[in-house]
Amino acid sequence: TCRIRRKKCDEQRVGDSCQTCIRLRIECLGWGPKRPQWMRDKQAVEQYKAGIKEKLIKAGMVRGQPRTPVAPSTAS
């Protein structure tokens, strides 16, 4: 997951997850030098990455993104 997000993995294993994925509450795909076979499909990777980003934005864990949707102003 860290590789897909292009972020440095802390590689501190807790069960089947790294600390980074646990902190962000996202599924950890593991670690190691070999990529899973499905990661060769660019569309599958982009869909997975978009799902992670959407989840993190909803949780308010992405810098520069509001935690809740901003309501349009009613100024006349």
N, C-alpha and C. Protein backbone atom coordinates (compact mmCIF):
# COMPACT_ATOMS: atom_id res chain seq x y z
N THR A 1 0.83 -1.18 0.00
CA THR A 1 0.00 0.00 0.00
C THR A 1 0.87 1.25 0.00
N CYS A 2 1.93 1.23 0.77
CA CYS A 2 2.84 2.38 0.80
C CYS A 2 3.46 2.60 -0.58
N ARG A 3 3.83 1.52 -1.25
CA ARG A 3 4.42 1.63 -2.59
C ARG A 3 3.42 2.24 -3.56
N ILE A 4 2.18 1.82 -3.49
CA ILE A 4 1.14 2.37 -4.37
C ILE A 4 0.94 3.85 -4.09
N ARG A 5 0.96 4.23 -2.82
CA ARG A 5 0.77 5.63 -2.43
C ARG A 5 2.03 6.46 -2.67
N ARG A 6 3.13 5.78 -3.01
CA ARG A 6 4.44 6.42 -3.21
C ARG A 6 4.89 7.16 -1.97
N LYS A 7 4.74 6.49 -0.84
CA LYS A 7 5.17 7.00 0.46
C LYS A 7 6.13 6.00 1.07
N LYS A 8 7.04 6.49 1.89
CA LYS A 8 8.01 5.62 2.56
C LYS A 8 7.30 4.78 3.62
N CYS A 9 7.50 3.48 3.55
CA CYS A 9 6.94 2.57 4.53
C CYS A 9 7.85 2.53 5.75
N ASP A 10 7.27 2.56 6.94
CA ASP A 10 8.10 2.51 8.14
C ASP A 10 8.60 1.09 8.43
N GLU A 11 8.02 0.10 7.77
CA GLU A 11 8.39 -1.32 7.89
C GLU A 11 8.38 -1.83 9.32
N GLN A 12 7.63 -1.18 10.19
CA GLN A 12 7.47 -1.66 11.56
C GLN A 12 6.24 -2.55 11.58
N ARG A 13 6.47 -3.82 11.55
CA ARG A 13 5.40 -4.80 11.39
C ARG A 13 4.64 -5.02 12.69
N VAL A 14 3.34 -5.00 12.55
CA VAL A 14 2.44 -5.34 13.64
C VAL A 14 1.44 -6.31 13.04
N GLY A 15 1.63 -7.58 13.26
CA GLY A 15 0.79 -8.58 12.62
C GLY A 15 1.06 -8.59 11.13
N ASP A 16 0.02 -8.37 10.34
CA ASP A 16 0.16 -8.37 8.88
C ASP A 16 0.21 -6.97 8.30
N SER A 17 0.35 -5.94 9.14
CA SER A 17 0.33 -4.56 8.67
C SER A 17 1.55 -3.79 9.14
N CYS A 18 1.84 -2.70 8.43
CA CYS A 18 2.89 -1.79 8.90
C CYS A 18 2.21 -0.71 9.76
N GLN A 19 2.99 -0.04 10.57
CA GLN A 19 2.45 0.99 11.46
C GLN A 19 1.75 2.10 10.69
N THR A 20 2.28 2.46 9.51
CA THR A 20 1.68 3.53 8.71
C THR A 20 0.25 3.19 8.32
N CYS A 21 0.04 1.98 7.82
CA CYS A 21 -1.31 1.56 7.40
C CYS A 21 -2.24 1.47 8.60
N ILE A 22 -1.74 1.02 9.73
CA ILE A 22 -2.56 0.95 10.93
C ILE A 22 -2.99 2.35 11.35
N ARG A 23 -2.04 3.30 11.32
CA ARG A 23 -2.34 4.68 11.72
C ARG A 23 -3.39 5.30 10.80
N LEU A 24 -3.29 5.01 9.50
CA LEU A 24 -4.23 5.58 8.54
C LEU A 24 -5.51 4.75 8.41
N ARG A 25 -5.54 3.60 9.07
CA ARG A 25 -6.69 2.69 9.02
C ARG A 25 -7.01 2.25 7.60
N ILE A 26 -5.95 1.86 6.86
CA ILE A 26 -6.13 1.33 5.51
C ILE A 26 -5.53 -0.07 5.46
N GLU A 27 -5.94 -0.84 4.47
CA GLU A 27 -5.46 -2.21 4.33
C GLU A 27 -4.00 -2.20 3.89
N CYS A 28 -3.17 -2.95 4.59
CA CYS A 28 -1.76 -3.08 4.23
C CYS A 28 -1.61 -4.30 3.32
N LEU A 29 -0.98 -4.10 2.19
CA LEU A 29 -0.79 -5.20 1.25
C LEU A 29 0.50 -5.96 1.50
N GLY A 30 1.23 -5.58 2.55
CA GLY A 30 2.47 -6.25 2.87
C GLY A 30 3.67 -5.47 2.38
N TRP A 31 4.82 -6.10 2.42
CA TRP A 31 6.06 -5.43 2.05
C TRP A 31 6.98 -6.43 1.40
N GLY A 32 8.01 -5.95 0.81
CA GLY A 32 8.98 -6.82 0.17
C GLY A 32 9.38 -6.29 -1.19
N PRO A 33 10.42 -6.86 -1.78
CA PRO A 33 10.93 -6.37 -3.05
C PRO A 33 10.06 -6.74 -4.26
N LYS A 34 9.25 -7.79 -4.15
CA LYS A 34 8.42 -8.22 -5.29
C LYS A 34 7.04 -7.61 -5.21
N ARG A 35 6.57 -7.14 -6.36
CA ARG A 35 5.23 -6.59 -6.44
C ARG A 35 4.22 -7.73 -6.65
N PRO A 36 3.02 -7.57 -6.10
CA PRO A 36 1.98 -8.56 -6.39
C PRO A 36 1.64 -8.54 -7.89
N GLN A 37 1.20 -9.65 -8.41
CA GLN A 37 0.91 -9.77 -9.84
C GLN A 37 -0.13 -8.76 -10.32
N TRP A 38 -1.16 -8.50 -9.53
CA TRP A 38 -2.22 -7.59 -9.97
C TRP A 38 -1.73 -6.16 -10.14
N MET A 39 -0.58 -5.82 -9.53
CA MET A 39 -0.06 -4.46 -9.65
C MET A 39 0.54 -4.17 -11.02
N ARG A 40 0.62 -5.16 -11.86
CA ARG A 40 1.10 -4.93 -13.23
C ARG A 40 0.02 -4.28 -14.09
N ASP A 41 -1.22 -4.36 -13.67
CA ASP A 41 -2.35 -3.74 -14.38
C ASP A 41 -2.51 -2.31 -13.88
N LYS A 42 -2.15 -1.34 -14.71
CA LYS A 42 -2.16 0.07 -14.30
C LYS A 42 -3.54 0.55 -13.90
N GLN A 43 -4.57 0.09 -14.59
CA GLN A 43 -5.93 0.51 -14.25
C GLN A 43 -6.33 0.02 -12.87
N ALA A 44 -5.98 -1.20 -12.54
CA ALA A 44 -6.30 -1.75 -11.22
C ALA A 44 -5.59 -0.97 -10.13
N VAL A 45 -4.34 -0.59 -10.37
CA VAL A 45 -3.57 0.18 -9.40
C VAL A 45 -4.19 1.56 -9.22
N GLU A 46 -4.58 2.22 -10.31
CA GLU A 46 -5.18 3.54 -10.23
C GLU A 46 -6.52 3.50 -9.48
N GLN A 47 -7.32 2.47 -9.71
CA GLN A 47 -8.58 2.33 -9.00
C GLN A 47 -8.34 2.11 -7.51
N TYR A 48 -7.37 1.30 -7.18
CA TYR A 48 -7.05 1.03 -5.79
C TYR A 48 -6.56 2.31 -5.11
N LYS A 49 -5.69 3.04 -5.80
CA LYS A 49 -5.13 4.28 -5.26
C LYS A 49 -6.24 5.32 -5.06
N ALA A 50 -7.17 5.42 -6.00
CA ALA A 50 -8.28 6.36 -5.88
C ALA A 50 -9.17 6.00 -4.69
N GLY A 51 -9.36 4.72 -4.45
CA GLY A 51 -10.15 4.28 -3.31
C GLY A 51 -9.50 4.65 -1.99
N ILE A 52 -8.18 4.49 -1.91
CA ILE A 52 -7.46 4.87 -0.70
C ILE A 52 -7.57 6.37 -0.47
N LYS A 53 -7.36 7.14 -1.53
CA LYS A 53 -7.40 8.60 -1.40
C LYS A 53 -8.79 9.07 -0.97
N GLU A 54 -9.83 8.49 -1.54
CA GLU A 54 -11.20 8.85 -1.18
C GLU A 54 -11.46 8.56 0.30
N LYS A 55 -11.00 7.41 0.76
CA LYS A 55 -11.20 7.03 2.16
C LYS A 55 -10.46 7.98 3.09
N LEU A 56 -9.22 8.34 2.74
CA LEU A 56 -8.43 9.24 3.58
C LEU A 56 -9.00 10.65 3.59
N ILE A 57 -9.54 11.11 2.46
CA ILE A 57 -10.16 12.44 2.41
C ILE A 57 -11.40 12.47 3.29
N LYS A 58 -12.23 11.42 3.21
CA LYS A 58 -13.43 11.36 4.05
C LYS A 58 -13.08 11.35 5.53
N ALA A 59 -11.95 10.73 5.87
CA ALA A 59 -11.52 10.67 7.27
C ALA A 59 -10.79 11.93 7.70
N GLY A 60 -10.55 12.86 6.77
CA GLY A 60 -9.86 14.10 7.09
C GLY A 60 -8.38 13.92 7.33
N MET A 61 -7.79 12.95 6.67
CA MET A 61 -6.37 12.66 6.89
C MET A 61 -5.47 13.12 5.75
N VAL A 62 -5.99 13.94 4.83
CA VAL A 62 -5.19 14.45 3.73
C VAL A 62 -5.02 15.94 3.93
N ARG A 63 -3.77 16.38 3.94
CA ARG A 63 -3.49 17.80 4.13
C ARG A 63 -4.08 18.62 3.00
N GLY A 64 -4.63 19.78 3.35
CA GLY A 64 -5.18 20.67 2.34
C GLY A 64 -6.59 20.35 1.92
N GLN A 65 -7.17 19.32 2.48
CA GLN A 65 -8.55 18.94 2.16
C GLN A 65 -9.41 19.16 3.38
N PRO A 66 -10.58 19.77 3.22
CA PRO A 66 -11.46 19.97 4.37
C PRO A 66 -11.97 18.63 4.90
N ARG A 67 -12.19 18.58 6.21
CA ARG A 67 -12.70 17.34 6.82
C ARG A 67 -14.13 17.06 6.41
N THR A 68 -14.91 18.10 6.26
CA THR A 68 -16.29 17.95 5.84
C THR A 68 -16.49 18.79 4.59
N PRO A 69 -17.42 18.40 3.74
CA PRO A 69 -17.67 19.20 2.54
C PRO A 69 -18.05 20.63 2.90
N VAL A 70 -17.52 21.58 2.18
CA VAL A 70 -17.80 22.99 2.44
C VAL A 70 -19.13 23.32 1.80
N ALA A 71 -20.03 23.90 2.59
CA ALA A 71 -21.35 24.28 2.08
C ALA A 71 -21.19 25.56 1.26
N PRO A 72 -21.92 25.67 0.14
CA PRO A 72 -21.85 26.88 -0.68
C PRO A 72 -22.39 28.07 0.10
N SER A 73 -21.77 29.22 -0.08
CA SER A 73 -22.22 30.41 0.67
C SER A 73 -23.53 30.90 0.07
N THR A 74 -24.34 31.49 0.93
CA THR A 74 -25.66 31.98 0.51
C THR A 74 -25.65 33.49 0.39
N ALA A 75 -24.47 34.08 0.22
CA ALA A 75 -24.38 35.54 0.10
C ALA A 75 -25.02 36.00 -1.21
N SER A 76 -25.73 37.11 -1.14
CA SER A 76 -26.42 37.61 -2.34
C SER A 76 -25.65 38.68 -3.02
